[in-house]
Amino acid sequence: MKEIPQIINYFTDDDLYKFTMCCAVIDNFPRTQVKYKFNDRDNTVYPDGFAEELRRQIKFLENLRITEEETAFLRRKCKFIPEWFCTYLKGFKYDSNWVSVSQDEEGHLSVEFEGSWSHTILLEVKVLAIISELYYIMTGESSKLDYDAYYNKSWNKGSRLIEAGCVFSDFGTRRRASFTAQDTAVRAMKECQESQKDKRGEGRFTGTSNVYLAMKYDLTPIGTMAHELICAIAGMYGPQMSNHLAMGAWGQTYRGALGTFLYDTYGWRIFSLNFSEDYANMFKGLRVDSGNNFEQLDNIIKKYESLNIDPRGKQVIFSNALDVDSAIEIQRYASGKCLPSYGIGTHFTNDFEGIKPRNIVIKLLAVKITESWPFYCETCKLSEDHGKYTGNKQTVERFLEALHLK
């Protein structure tokens, strides 16, 4: 096989939420240390030499530096990001020593991160995107990717969503078939949006989570936070009040901007107990990322109404493994009840005929408050979908008991 070119070539070829969380981490938890671990939910057997090539691709990240064009774009489009954080990114340098990669005799892949939270937080999305694209390259499946046909397929998806009145964005960096696949999908949807801008209706393509592609196509980068923020706080201080502490930390950094909270890290019940009137007013809305979308929306509406807040003025972002059909179905149900929008990932960036998307994640497993602590505290995620629980069995059981979920 010919030498594989560098897969990640731009510092901001990453999701916005990694940058916004990194900023909040430095602001609130500057000395915290973490451990992450890769999980292939399909138990895939990777090609011989995959780990070696992955290490090589991660080593390439050390050459990436944010450009003046990229920092100027962040300042222009992301007014909520403080100036000091752009200065921090100018000096940021990846270190491959934060990552360990191996492959067993059967071909199963192991990837782990360890180090300062403010450093390692910027690895997850890039490494997942590398693993996904590299798999197709090394198996030869990348030769099946027809990008002209994919442009048309993506355009049609965008057109259907716009006509149905859906407000939607691309969330697909982590498990994309390739950088070109995501680039093609974003370009198609932007051009579809421009072609239909004179039509009546509220449907529109609002942007992409990928900061570089947002810059390339003059779109709005979309994103706030991931479960790891709440998971880390739960590891340090316990799961019962982790949502409350996370909302407080987020408010400390962003002062009401980036006001969509991802609530399902430990399920609706404990979040609802933490979601007091002051936070319900401060945050513009909530993101639904697990469970039954319709039941979750009903819970959200009831909670807002119990606080004498009109849910019709609140944003609800749906991002739970959506495709075009499911987004349109939710739109029919949610319209008039809230301000619904949709973050669609793999269905936008890895939907090729004959290609199976990778079912891969990297999750935070352990945390310690400062580097001087002699031990880590394990953590986990307990979403509304039991199949999405992450963490070792003992930690999951301990958190379930603490939250009175068993």
Protein backbone atom coordinates (compact mmCIF):
# COMPACT_ATOMS: atom_id res chain seq x y z
CA MET A 1 0.00 0.00 0.00
CA LYS A 2 1.19 3.51 -0.87
CA GLU A 3 2.03 5.84 1.99
CA ILE A 4 -1.19 7.31 3.36
CA PRO A 5 -1.34 11.13 3.31
CA GLN A 6 -2.00 13.16 6.43
CA ILE A 7 -5.73 12.91 7.20
CA ILE A 8 -6.25 15.96 9.47
CA ASN A 9 -4.70 19.01 7.83
CA TYR A 10 -6.31 21.95 9.63
CA PHE A 11 -6.28 22.89 13.30
CA THR A 12 -9.99 23.79 13.21
CA ASP A 13 -11.01 20.60 11.41
CA ASP A 14 -12.79 19.80 14.65
CA ASP A 15 -16.17 20.32 16.29
CA LEU A 16 -16.88 23.66 17.94
CA TYR A 17 -17.94 22.02 21.21
CA LYS A 18 -14.39 20.80 21.84
CA PHE A 19 -13.12 24.40 21.73
CA THR A 20 -15.97 25.83 23.81
CA MET A 21 -15.55 23.09 26.45
CA CYS A 22 -11.78 23.56 26.46
CA CYS A 23 -12.31 27.24 27.23
CA ALA A 24 -14.72 26.42 30.07
CA VAL A 25 -12.33 23.80 31.45
CA ILE A 26 -9.42 26.25 31.61
CA ASP A 27 -11.71 28.83 33.21
CA ASN A 28 -13.13 26.49 35.85
CA PHE A 29 -10.91 23.38 36.17
CA PRO A 30 -7.42 24.41 35.00
CA ARG A 31 -5.49 21.68 36.85
CA THR A 32 -7.83 18.74 36.32
CA GLN A 33 -6.36 15.52 34.88
CA VAL A 34 -8.34 12.95 32.90
CA LYS A 35 -8.32 9.54 31.23
CA TYR A 36 -10.28 8.67 28.08
CA LYS A 37 -10.75 5.34 26.31
CA PHE A 38 -11.79 4.37 22.78
CA ASN A 39 -14.72 1.98 22.36
CA ASP A 40 -15.68 0.22 19.15
CA ARG A 41 -19.25 -0.89 19.85
CA ASP A 42 -19.12 -3.34 16.91
CA ASN A 43 -15.91 -4.97 18.14
CA THR A 44 -14.39 -4.42 14.71
CA VAL A 45 -11.31 -6.31 13.56
CA TYR A 46 -9.02 -3.66 12.07
CA PRO A 47 -6.54 -4.35 9.26
CA ASP A 48 -2.99 -5.44 10.06
CA GLY A 49 -0.81 -2.44 10.79
CA PHE A 50 -3.75 -0.17 11.64
CA ALA A 51 -2.39 0.82 15.05
CA GLU A 52 0.99 1.71 13.58
CA GLU A 53 -0.58 3.92 10.93
CA LEU A 54 -2.90 5.51 13.48
CA ARG A 55 0.10 6.42 15.64
CA ARG A 56 1.69 7.99 12.57
CA GLN A 57 -1.44 10.03 11.85
CA ILE A 58 -1.65 11.20 15.48
CA LYS A 59 2.01 12.20 15.29
CA PHE A 60 1.08 14.42 12.32
CA LEU A 61 -1.20 16.43 14.63
CA GLU A 62 1.93 17.84 16.30
CA ASN A 63 2.53 19.87 13.12
CA LEU A 64 -0.85 21.62 13.24
CA ARG A 65 -1.04 25.26 14.31
CA ILE A 66 -4.04 27.53 14.26
CA THR A 67 -3.75 30.19 11.55
CA GLU A 68 -4.52 33.89 11.67
CA GLU A 69 -7.42 33.23 9.30
CA GLU A 70 -8.87 30.66 11.70
CA THR A 71 -8.55 32.85 14.81
CA ALA A 72 -10.05 35.81 12.93
CA PHE A 73 -12.99 33.61 11.95
CA LEU A 74 -13.54 32.51 15.55
CA ARG A 75 -13.48 36.12 16.72
CA ARG A 76 -15.95 37.14 14.03
CA LYS A 77 -18.41 34.25 14.27
CA CYS A 78 -18.05 33.20 17.91
CA LYS A 79 -18.27 36.42 19.91
CA PHE A 80 -18.83 34.37 23.08
CA ILE A 81 -15.25 33.01 22.98
CA PRO A 82 -13.01 35.31 25.07
CA GLU A 83 -9.94 36.88 23.51
CA TRP A 84 -7.61 35.08 25.94
CA PHE A 85 -8.74 31.71 24.60
CA CYS A 86 -7.77 32.61 21.03
CA THR A 87 -4.35 33.56 22.39
CA TYR A 88 -4.20 30.16 24.15
CA LEU A 89 -5.00 28.35 20.90
CA LYS A 90 -2.21 30.22 19.11
CA GLY A 91 0.27 28.58 21.46
CA PHE A 92 -1.37 25.15 21.55
CA LYS A 93 0.66 22.17 20.37
CA TYR A 94 -0.55 18.58 20.25
CA ASP A 95 1.66 15.94 21.85
CA SER A 96 1.36 12.35 20.66
CA ASN A 97 2.64 11.21 24.07
CA TRP A 98 -0.85 11.96 25.43
CA VAL A 99 -2.14 9.01 23.39
CA SER A 100 -1.37 5.29 23.57
CA VAL A 101 -2.42 3.04 20.69
CA SER A 102 -2.22 -0.75 20.35
CA GLN A 103 -3.80 -3.61 18.45
CA ASP A 104 -4.19 -7.16 19.75
CA GLU A 105 -3.48 -10.39 17.86
CA GLU A 106 -7.09 -10.58 16.66
CA GLY A 107 -6.93 -7.03 15.29
CA HIS A 108 -9.02 -5.21 17.90
CA LEU A 109 -7.97 -1.63 18.52
CA SER A 110 -7.10 0.04 21.83
CA VAL A 111 -6.71 3.82 22.15
CA GLU A 112 -6.33 5.72 25.43
CA PHE A 113 -5.65 9.36 26.33
CA GLU A 114 -4.25 10.65 29.60
CA GLY A 115 -3.12 14.09 30.71
CA SER A 116 -4.32 17.58 31.47
CA TRP A 117 -8.00 17.96 30.66
CA SER A 118 -7.40 21.26 28.87
CA HIS A 119 -4.91 19.53 26.52
CA THR A 120 -6.43 16.12 25.88
CA ILE A 121 -9.94 17.50 25.35
CA LEU A 122 -8.88 18.62 21.86
CA LEU A 123 -7.98 15.09 20.74
CA GLU A 124 -11.28 13.19 20.76
CA VAL A 125 -12.98 14.34 17.57
CA LYS A 126 -9.80 14.46 15.51
CA VAL A 127 -8.76 10.93 16.53
CA LEU A 128 -12.23 9.52 15.86
CA ALA A 129 -12.29 11.17 12.43
CA ILE A 130 -8.85 9.71 11.69
CA ILE A 131 -9.89 6.20 12.77
CA SER A 132 -13.05 6.32 10.66
CA GLU A 133 -11.39 7.57 7.46
CA LEU A 134 -8.29 5.42 7.94
CA TYR A 135 -10.41 2.28 8.24
CA TYR A 136 -11.94 2.85 4.80
CA ILE A 137 -8.54 3.65 3.28
CA MET A 138 -6.85 0.54 4.66
CA THR A 139 -9.74 -1.78 3.77
CA GLY A 140 -9.96 -0.34 0.25
CA GLU A 141 -13.56 0.77 0.78
CA SER A 142 -12.64 4.41 0.15
CA SER A 143 -12.52 3.57 -3.57
CA LYS A 144 -16.31 3.08 -3.45
CA LEU A 145 -17.00 6.67 -2.37
CA ASP A 146 -18.73 8.46 -5.26
CA TYR A 147 -18.67 12.13 -4.27
CA ASP A 148 -20.63 13.42 -7.27
CA ALA A 149 -23.52 11.13 -6.38
CA TYR A 150 -23.08 12.07 -2.71
CA TYR A 151 -23.47 15.76 -3.52
CA ASN A 152 -26.83 15.05 -5.15
CA LYS A 153 -27.89 12.79 -2.29
CA SER A 154 -26.97 15.46 0.25
CA TRP A 155 -28.76 18.18 -1.72
CA ASN A 156 -31.94 16.09 -1.73
CA LYS A 157 -31.70 15.56 2.03
CA GLY A 158 -31.34 19.30 2.55
CA SER A 159 -34.23 20.05 0.22
CA ARG A 160 -36.58 17.67 2.03
CA LEU A 161 -35.69 19.11 5.44
CA ILE A 162 -36.08 22.71 4.27
CA GLU A 163 -39.45 21.97 2.66
CA ALA A 164 -40.60 20.28 5.89
CA GLY A 165 -39.76 23.42 7.89
CA CYS A 166 -36.80 21.86 9.74
CA VAL A 167 -33.99 24.04 11.11
CA PHE A 168 -30.95 21.76 10.91
CA SER A 169 -27.15 21.58 10.99
CA ASP A 170 -24.35 19.11 10.34
CA PHE A 171 -22.94 17.31 13.41
CA GLY A 172 -20.99 14.66 11.51
CA THR A 173 -17.24 15.16 12.00
CA ARG A 174 -16.56 12.24 14.36
CA ARG A 175 -17.72 9.34 12.21
CA ARG A 176 -17.48 10.78 8.72
CA ALA A 177 -16.43 8.54 5.84
CA SER A 178 -13.77 11.12 4.98
CA PHE A 179 -13.03 14.82 5.15
CA THR A 180 -14.18 15.07 1.53
CA ALA A 181 -17.49 13.40 2.41
CA GLN A 182 -18.26 16.00 5.06
CA ASP A 183 -17.04 18.82 2.82
CA THR A 184 -19.32 17.57 0.03
CA ALA A 185 -22.36 17.30 2.31
CA VAL A 186 -21.87 20.78 3.80
CA ARG A 187 -21.33 22.36 0.38
CA ALA A 188 -24.43 20.66 -1.03
CA MET A 189 -26.63 21.78 1.83
CA LYS A 190 -25.37 25.34 1.75
CA GLU A 191 -26.02 25.55 -1.99
CA CYS A 192 -29.42 23.92 -1.53
CA GLN A 193 -30.26 26.52 1.12
CA GLU A 194 -29.18 29.36 -1.16
CA SER A 195 -31.27 28.01 -4.03
CA GLN A 196 -34.40 27.93 -1.86
CA LYS A 197 -33.92 31.11 0.16
CA ASP A 198 -36.76 32.90 -1.64
CA LYS A 199 -39.24 30.19 -0.75
CA ARG A 200 -41.56 30.76 2.18
CA GLY A 201 -41.21 28.65 5.27
CA GLU A 202 -39.01 28.34 8.29
CA GLY A 203 -36.84 25.46 7.15
CA ARG A 204 -33.14 26.25 6.77
CA PHE A 205 -29.63 24.86 6.99
CA THR A 206 -27.98 26.80 9.80
CA GLY A 207 -24.38 25.55 9.69
CA THR A 208 -21.98 22.85 10.77
CA SER A 209 -20.25 21.74 13.94
CA ASN A 210 -16.97 21.61 12.00
CA VAL A 211 -15.20 24.94 12.51
CA TYR A 212 -12.94 24.69 9.46
CA LEU A 213 -15.81 23.86 7.08
CA ALA A 214 -17.89 26.65 8.63
CA MET A 215 -15.02 29.01 7.79
CA LYS A 216 -14.58 27.59 4.29
CA TYR A 217 -18.25 28.08 3.41
CA ASP A 218 -18.90 31.18 5.54
CA LEU A 219 -21.38 29.36 7.77
CA THR A 220 -22.08 29.54 11.47
CA PRO A 221 -20.15 26.97 13.56
CA ILE A 222 -22.66 25.12 15.73
CA GLY A 223 -22.10 23.53 19.14
CA THR A 224 -21.98 23.95 22.88
CA MET A 225 -20.94 21.01 25.09
CA ALA A 226 -20.69 17.22 25.31
CA HIS A 227 -21.44 14.71 28.05
CA GLU A 228 -17.81 14.69 29.18
CA LEU A 229 -18.23 18.03 30.99
CA ILE A 230 -20.93 16.61 33.26
CA CYS A 231 -19.15 13.23 33.53
CA ALA A 232 -15.92 14.84 34.73
CA ILE A 233 -17.72 16.95 37.31
CA ALA A 234 -19.59 13.84 38.50
CA GLY A 235 -16.30 11.99 38.90
CA MET A 236 -14.88 14.81 41.02
CA TYR A 237 -17.95 15.75 43.07
CA GLY A 238 -20.61 13.06 42.57
CA PRO A 239 -23.44 12.63 40.05
CA GLN A 240 -26.31 14.00 42.13
CA MET A 241 -25.39 17.66 41.61
CA SER A 242 -23.17 17.37 38.54
CA ASN A 243 -25.71 19.01 36.22
CA HIS A 244 -26.15 21.89 38.69
CA LEU A 245 -22.38 22.41 38.96
CA ALA A 246 -21.95 22.15 35.19
CA MET A 247 -24.64 24.74 34.55
CA GLY A 248 -22.98 27.05 37.06
CA ALA A 249 -19.53 26.61 35.48
CA TRP A 250 -20.94 27.16 31.98
CA GLY A 251 -22.71 30.30 33.11
CA GLN A 252 -19.52 31.55 34.75
CA THR A 253 -17.64 31.31 31.46
CA TYR A 254 -20.26 32.27 28.88
CA ARG A 255 -22.61 34.57 30.84
CA GLY A 256 -25.78 33.35 29.13
CA ALA A 257 -24.30 32.81 25.67
CA LEU A 258 -24.11 29.26 24.27
CA GLY A 259 -27.27 28.65 26.23
CA THR A 260 -28.26 25.12 25.17
CA PHE A 261 -27.67 22.52 27.88
CA LEU A 262 -27.10 18.82 27.18
CA TYR A 263 -29.15 17.32 29.97
CA ASP A 264 -29.21 13.52 29.58
CA THR A 265 -25.81 12.47 31.01
CA TYR A 266 -27.56 10.88 34.01
CA GLY A 267 -31.10 10.84 32.68
CA TRP A 268 -34.02 13.22 32.83
CA ARG A 269 -35.04 12.65 36.47
CA ILE A 270 -31.91 13.95 38.20
CA PHE A 271 -31.49 16.75 35.68
CA SER A 272 -35.06 17.89 36.26
CA LEU A 273 -34.39 18.07 40.00
CA ASN A 274 -31.34 20.28 39.28
CA PHE A 275 -33.10 22.46 36.67
CA SER A 276 -34.35 25.32 38.80
CA GLU A 277 -36.12 28.42 37.57
CA ASP A 278 -32.99 30.54 37.44
CA TYR A 279 -31.21 28.07 35.16
CA ALA A 280 -34.35 27.47 33.09
CA ASN A 281 -34.47 31.19 32.40
CA MET A 282 -30.72 31.55 31.81
CA PHE A 283 -30.42 28.71 29.29
CA LYS A 284 -32.13 29.27 25.95
CA GLY A 285 -32.98 25.60 25.63
CA LEU A 286 -32.04 21.93 25.95
CA ARG A 287 -30.56 19.22 23.71
CA VAL A 288 -32.20 15.79 23.40
CA ASP A 289 -29.52 13.16 22.70
CA SER A 290 -31.04 9.89 23.97
CA GLY A 291 -34.33 8.22 24.82
CA ASN A 292 -37.62 8.51 22.97
CA ASN A 293 -37.62 11.94 21.31
CA PHE A 294 -41.35 12.48 21.81
CA GLU A 295 -41.36 11.43 25.46
CA GLN A 296 -38.32 13.58 26.16
CA LEU A 297 -40.00 16.61 24.57
CA ASP A 298 -43.11 16.01 26.66
CA ASN A 299 -40.93 15.95 29.80
CA ILE A 300 -39.25 19.20 28.78
CA ILE A 301 -42.55 20.95 28.10
CA LYS A 302 -44.01 19.84 31.44
CA LYS A 303 -40.92 21.06 33.29
CA TYR A 304 -41.00 24.50 31.69
CA GLU A 305 -44.72 24.81 32.36
CA SER A 306 -44.19 23.83 36.02
CA LEU A 307 -41.81 26.80 36.26
CA ASN A 308 -44.35 29.13 34.59
CA ILE A 309 -42.11 29.40 31.50
CA ASP A 310 -43.69 29.23 28.04
CA PRO A 311 -41.91 26.33 26.23
CA ARG A 312 -42.88 27.78 22.86
CA GLY A 313 -40.08 30.31 23.31
CA LYS A 314 -37.45 27.70 24.25
CA GLN A 315 -35.06 25.94 21.87
CA VAL A 316 -34.99 22.14 21.83
CA ILE A 317 -32.22 20.61 19.74
CA PHE A 318 -32.69 16.97 18.75
CA SER A 319 -29.48 15.04 18.00
CA ASN A 320 -30.21 11.39 18.83
CA ALA A 321 -29.04 9.37 15.79
CA LEU A 322 -31.31 11.29 13.45
CA ASP A 323 -31.91 10.89 9.75
CA VAL A 324 -34.11 12.96 7.45
CA ASP A 325 -37.25 10.90 8.06
CA SER A 326 -36.97 10.97 11.86
CA ALA A 327 -36.26 14.71 11.89
CA ILE A 328 -39.34 15.42 9.79
CA GLU A 329 -41.44 13.18 12.05
CA ILE A 330 -40.24 15.07 15.14
CA GLN A 331 -40.87 18.39 13.40
CA ARG A 332 -44.52 17.49 12.88
CA TYR A 333 -44.87 16.70 16.59
CA ALA A 334 -42.76 19.53 18.02
CA SER A 335 -43.91 22.41 15.81
CA GLY A 336 -45.81 24.95 17.88
CA LYS A 337 -44.69 23.35 21.17
CA CYS A 338 -41.12 24.70 21.25
CA LEU A 339 -38.45 26.02 18.86
CA PRO A 340 -37.18 22.70 17.46
CA SER A 341 -33.95 22.19 15.54
CA TYR A 342 -31.90 19.19 14.49
CA GLY A 343 -28.23 18.25 14.66
CA ILE A 344 -27.66 15.39 12.23
CA GLY A 345 -24.36 13.53 12.22
CA THR A 346 -23.46 10.23 10.56
CA HIS A 347 -26.50 10.31 8.27
CA PHE A 348 -25.06 13.45 6.68
CA THR A 349 -21.37 12.49 6.49
CA ASN A 350 -21.29 8.69 6.14
CA ASP A 351 -24.29 7.49 4.13
CA PHE A 352 -22.72 5.77 1.13
CA GLU A 353 -24.18 2.68 -0.52
CA GLY A 354 -22.34 -0.44 0.63
CA ILE A 355 -20.37 1.39 3.35
CA LYS A 356 -21.07 0.66 7.02
CA PRO A 357 -20.46 3.63 9.33
CA ARG A 358 -18.10 2.98 12.24
CA ASN A 359 -19.89 2.69 15.59
CA ILE A 360 -17.07 4.25 17.58
CA VAL A 361 -16.78 6.60 20.55
CA ILE A 362 -14.11 7.95 22.90
CA LYS A 363 -15.39 8.48 26.43
CA LEU A 364 -14.04 9.98 29.63
CA LEU A 365 -13.44 7.25 32.22
CA ALA A 366 -11.58 8.84 35.13
CA VAL A 367 -10.70 12.25 36.53
CA LYS A 368 -8.72 13.85 39.34
CA ILE A 369 -9.11 17.42 40.51
CA THR A 370 -5.41 18.34 40.31
CA GLU A 371 -2.20 16.74 39.13
CA SER A 372 -1.02 16.42 42.74
CA TRP A 373 -3.71 13.89 43.65
CA PRO A 374 -2.32 10.33 43.89
CA PHE A 375 -5.46 8.69 42.49
CA TYR A 376 -8.16 9.10 39.84
CA CYS A 377 -11.90 8.91 40.48
CA GLU A 378 -13.79 6.86 37.92
CA THR A 379 -16.87 8.19 36.17
CA CYS A 380 -19.46 7.01 33.66
CA LYS A 381 -22.40 8.11 31.53
CA LEU A 382 -25.99 6.92 32.12
CA SER A 383 -28.12 8.30 29.30
CA GLU A 384 -31.79 7.59 28.62
CA ASP A 385 -30.66 4.69 26.38
CA HIS A 386 -29.24 1.90 28.52
CA GLY A 387 -27.23 0.64 25.55
CA LYS A 388 -25.31 3.92 25.61
CA TYR A 389 -24.08 3.54 29.18
CA THR A 390 -20.30 3.99 29.31
CA GLY A 391 -17.81 3.19 32.07
CA ASN A 392 -16.88 0.02 33.87
CA LYS A 393 -19.63 -2.10 35.42
CA GLN A 394 -18.77 -1.30 39.04
CA THR A 395 -18.83 2.46 38.42
CA VAL A 396 -22.12 2.24 36.54
CA GLU A 397 -23.66 0.28 39.42
CA ARG A 398 -22.36 2.79 41.97
CA PHE A 399 -23.78 5.75 40.04
CA LEU A 400 -27.13 4.00 39.54
CA GLU A 401 -27.38 3.49 43.29
CA ALA A 402 -26.35 7.08 44.04
CA LEU A 403 -29.07 8.36 41.73
CA HIS A 404 -31.71 5.90 43.01
CA LEU A 405 -32.09 4.38 39.55
CA LYS A 406 -32.03 0.77 40.75
